Protein backbone atom coordinates (compact mmCIF):
# COMPACT_ATOMS: atom_id res chain seq x y z
CA MET A 1 -0.02 0.09 0.07
CA PRO A 2 1.12 3.32 -0.77
CA CYS A 3 1.89 5.79 2.07
CA ILE A 4 2.08 9.68 2.92
CA ARG A 5 4.89 10.25 5.54
CA PHE A 6 4.50 13.67 7.25
CA GLU A 7 8.11 14.14 8.43
CA THR A 8 7.43 17.12 10.58
CA THR A 9 5.44 15.25 12.98
CA ASP A 10 6.93 11.67 12.47
CA ARG A 11 3.37 10.39 11.21
CA THR A 12 2.81 7.92 8.05
CA THR A 13 -0.65 7.30 6.44
CA GLU A 14 -1.32 4.24 4.17
CA TYR A 15 -4.29 4.25 1.49
CA PRO A 16 -5.16 1.57 -0.88
CA ALA A 17 -3.11 1.31 -4.08
CA GLY A 18 -4.54 2.58 -7.37
CA GLU A 19 -6.24 5.52 -5.68
CA SER A 20 -5.44 9.37 -5.89
CA VAL A 21 -5.98 10.80 -2.51
CA ASN A 22 -6.00 14.43 -1.23
CA VAL A 23 -2.89 15.08 0.88
CA LEU A 24 -4.84 17.47 3.12
CA ARG A 25 -7.96 15.23 3.72
CA MET A 26 -5.40 12.31 4.62
CA ALA A 27 -3.65 14.70 7.08
CA ILE A 28 -6.89 15.59 8.60
CA ARG A 29 -8.34 12.49 8.73
CA HIS A 30 -5.11 10.69 10.67
CA GLU A 31 -4.57 13.77 12.64
CA VAL A 32 -1.00 14.43 11.81
CA GLY A 33 -0.83 18.01 12.87
CA LEU A 34 -0.60 19.91 9.32
CA PRO A 35 -1.96 23.25 9.85
CA TRP A 36 -4.46 24.46 7.43
CA LYS A 37 -7.24 27.22 7.56
CA CYS A 38 -9.25 27.49 4.69
CA GLY A 39 -8.76 24.15 2.79
CA SER A 40 -9.65 25.89 -0.31
CA GLY A 41 -5.84 27.11 -1.52
CA ARG A 42 -6.64 30.89 -0.80
CA CYS A 43 -4.71 31.13 2.59
CA GLY A 44 -1.47 28.94 1.96
CA THR A 45 -1.56 27.84 5.59
CA ASP A 46 -1.02 24.12 4.48
CA ARG A 47 2.07 24.93 2.44
CA ILE A 48 4.28 21.35 2.31
CA LEU A 49 7.63 20.78 0.69
CA VAL A 50 7.61 17.67 -1.08
CA LYS A 51 10.75 15.72 -0.01
CA GLU A 52 10.18 12.65 -1.98
CA GLY A 53 7.46 11.38 -4.45
CA ALA A 54 6.70 14.61 -6.60
CA ASP A 55 6.35 12.21 -9.69
CA HIS A 56 3.08 10.98 -7.72
CA LEU A 57 1.52 14.07 -7.87
CA ASP A 58 -1.13 15.65 -9.97
CA ALA A 59 -0.04 18.91 -11.66
CA PRO A 60 -0.55 21.95 -9.72
CA ARG A 61 -4.07 23.79 -9.80
CA ARG A 62 -4.65 27.30 -10.75
CA ARG A 63 -4.85 28.41 -7.05
CA GLU A 64 -1.74 26.92 -6.07
CA ARG A 65 0.02 28.72 -9.01
CA GLU A 66 -1.29 32.04 -7.75
CA ARG A 67 -0.67 31.41 -4.12
CA LEU A 68 3.09 29.77 -4.43
CA GLY A 69 4.25 31.37 -7.66
CA PRO A 70 8.07 30.53 -7.79
CA LEU A 71 7.86 28.20 -4.75
CA LEU A 72 6.43 25.47 -6.86
CA ASP A 73 9.83 25.25 -8.59
CA GLU A 74 11.25 24.84 -5.25
CA GLY A 75 9.29 21.68 -4.52
CA TYR A 76 6.37 23.34 -2.37
CA ARG A 77 2.76 22.52 -2.80
CA LEU A 78 -0.73 23.07 -0.96
CA ALA A 79 -2.13 20.23 0.69
CA CYS A 80 -5.52 21.20 -0.07
CA GLN A 81 -4.84 21.06 -3.72
CA THR A 82 -2.78 18.23 -3.90
CA TYR A 83 -3.39 14.63 -4.81
CA THR A 84 -1.24 11.78 -4.68
CA SER A 85 -0.96 8.41 -6.35
CA GLY A 86 2.01 6.80 -4.66
CA ASP A 87 4.56 7.06 -1.92
CA LEU A 88 5.17 10.70 -0.74
CA VAL A 89 7.45 12.26 1.84
CA VAL A 90 6.52 15.83 2.97
CA THR A 91 7.52 18.39 5.50
CA TRP A 92 6.29 22.05 6.55
CA ASP A 93 7.74 25.06 8.76
CA PRO A 94 6.73 23.78 12.26
CA GLU A 95 6.03 27.67 13.01
CA GLN A 96 2.93 27.44 10.44
CA LYS A 97 -0.29 28.02 12.56
CA GLY A 98 -3.76 26.79 11.38
CA LEU A 99 -7.09 27.24 12.74
CA ASP A 100 -7.68 26.95 16.42
CA GLU A 101 -8.79 23.41 16.69
CA GLY A 102 -11.34 24.14 19.41
CA SER A 103 -12.81 26.90 17.16
CA GLU A 104 -16.63 26.03 15.64
CA LEU A 105 -15.07 27.26 12.30
CA HIS A 106 -12.36 24.47 12.54
CA ALA A 107 -15.06 21.92 13.74
CA LYS A 108 -17.17 22.74 10.60
CA LEU A 109 -14.66 22.73 8.13
CA LYS A 110 -13.20 19.38 9.36
CA GLU A 111 -16.50 17.94 9.12
CA ARG A 112 -17.16 19.10 5.57
CA TRP A 113 -13.41 17.60 4.58
CA LEU A 114 -13.92 14.26 6.35
CA ALA A 115 -17.58 14.06 4.60
CA ALA A 116 -15.78 13.63 1.09
CA PRO A 117 -14.00 10.74 0.05
CA ASP A 118 -10.32 10.42 0.30
CA SER A 119 -9.71 9.65 -3.25
CA THR A 120 -10.91 11.35 -6.66
């Protein structure tokens, strides 16, 4: 089974072979500690650096290109906009801050993200 390794928090998640999964959804579902706020590519809070497995990722979406610009060429992606179909290793700045996990907004957005299927 392919896996996503979230190096910053030393967590790994697995998913069924042959599927393409959203990186942020997997991070939320498996509570790996990846910070996020909007989940729609507007804020850039869920910026990750791809250490290994870039060849398994889908092409950057418009919002990623707008938000990240030249950082895309350095290996950065937005977890909310990124799907992987194979092994992946990512990291992020541990100083990045996401939504307050105790907030009502966090609960609503998390519920919405978890209601959707992991794969495309």
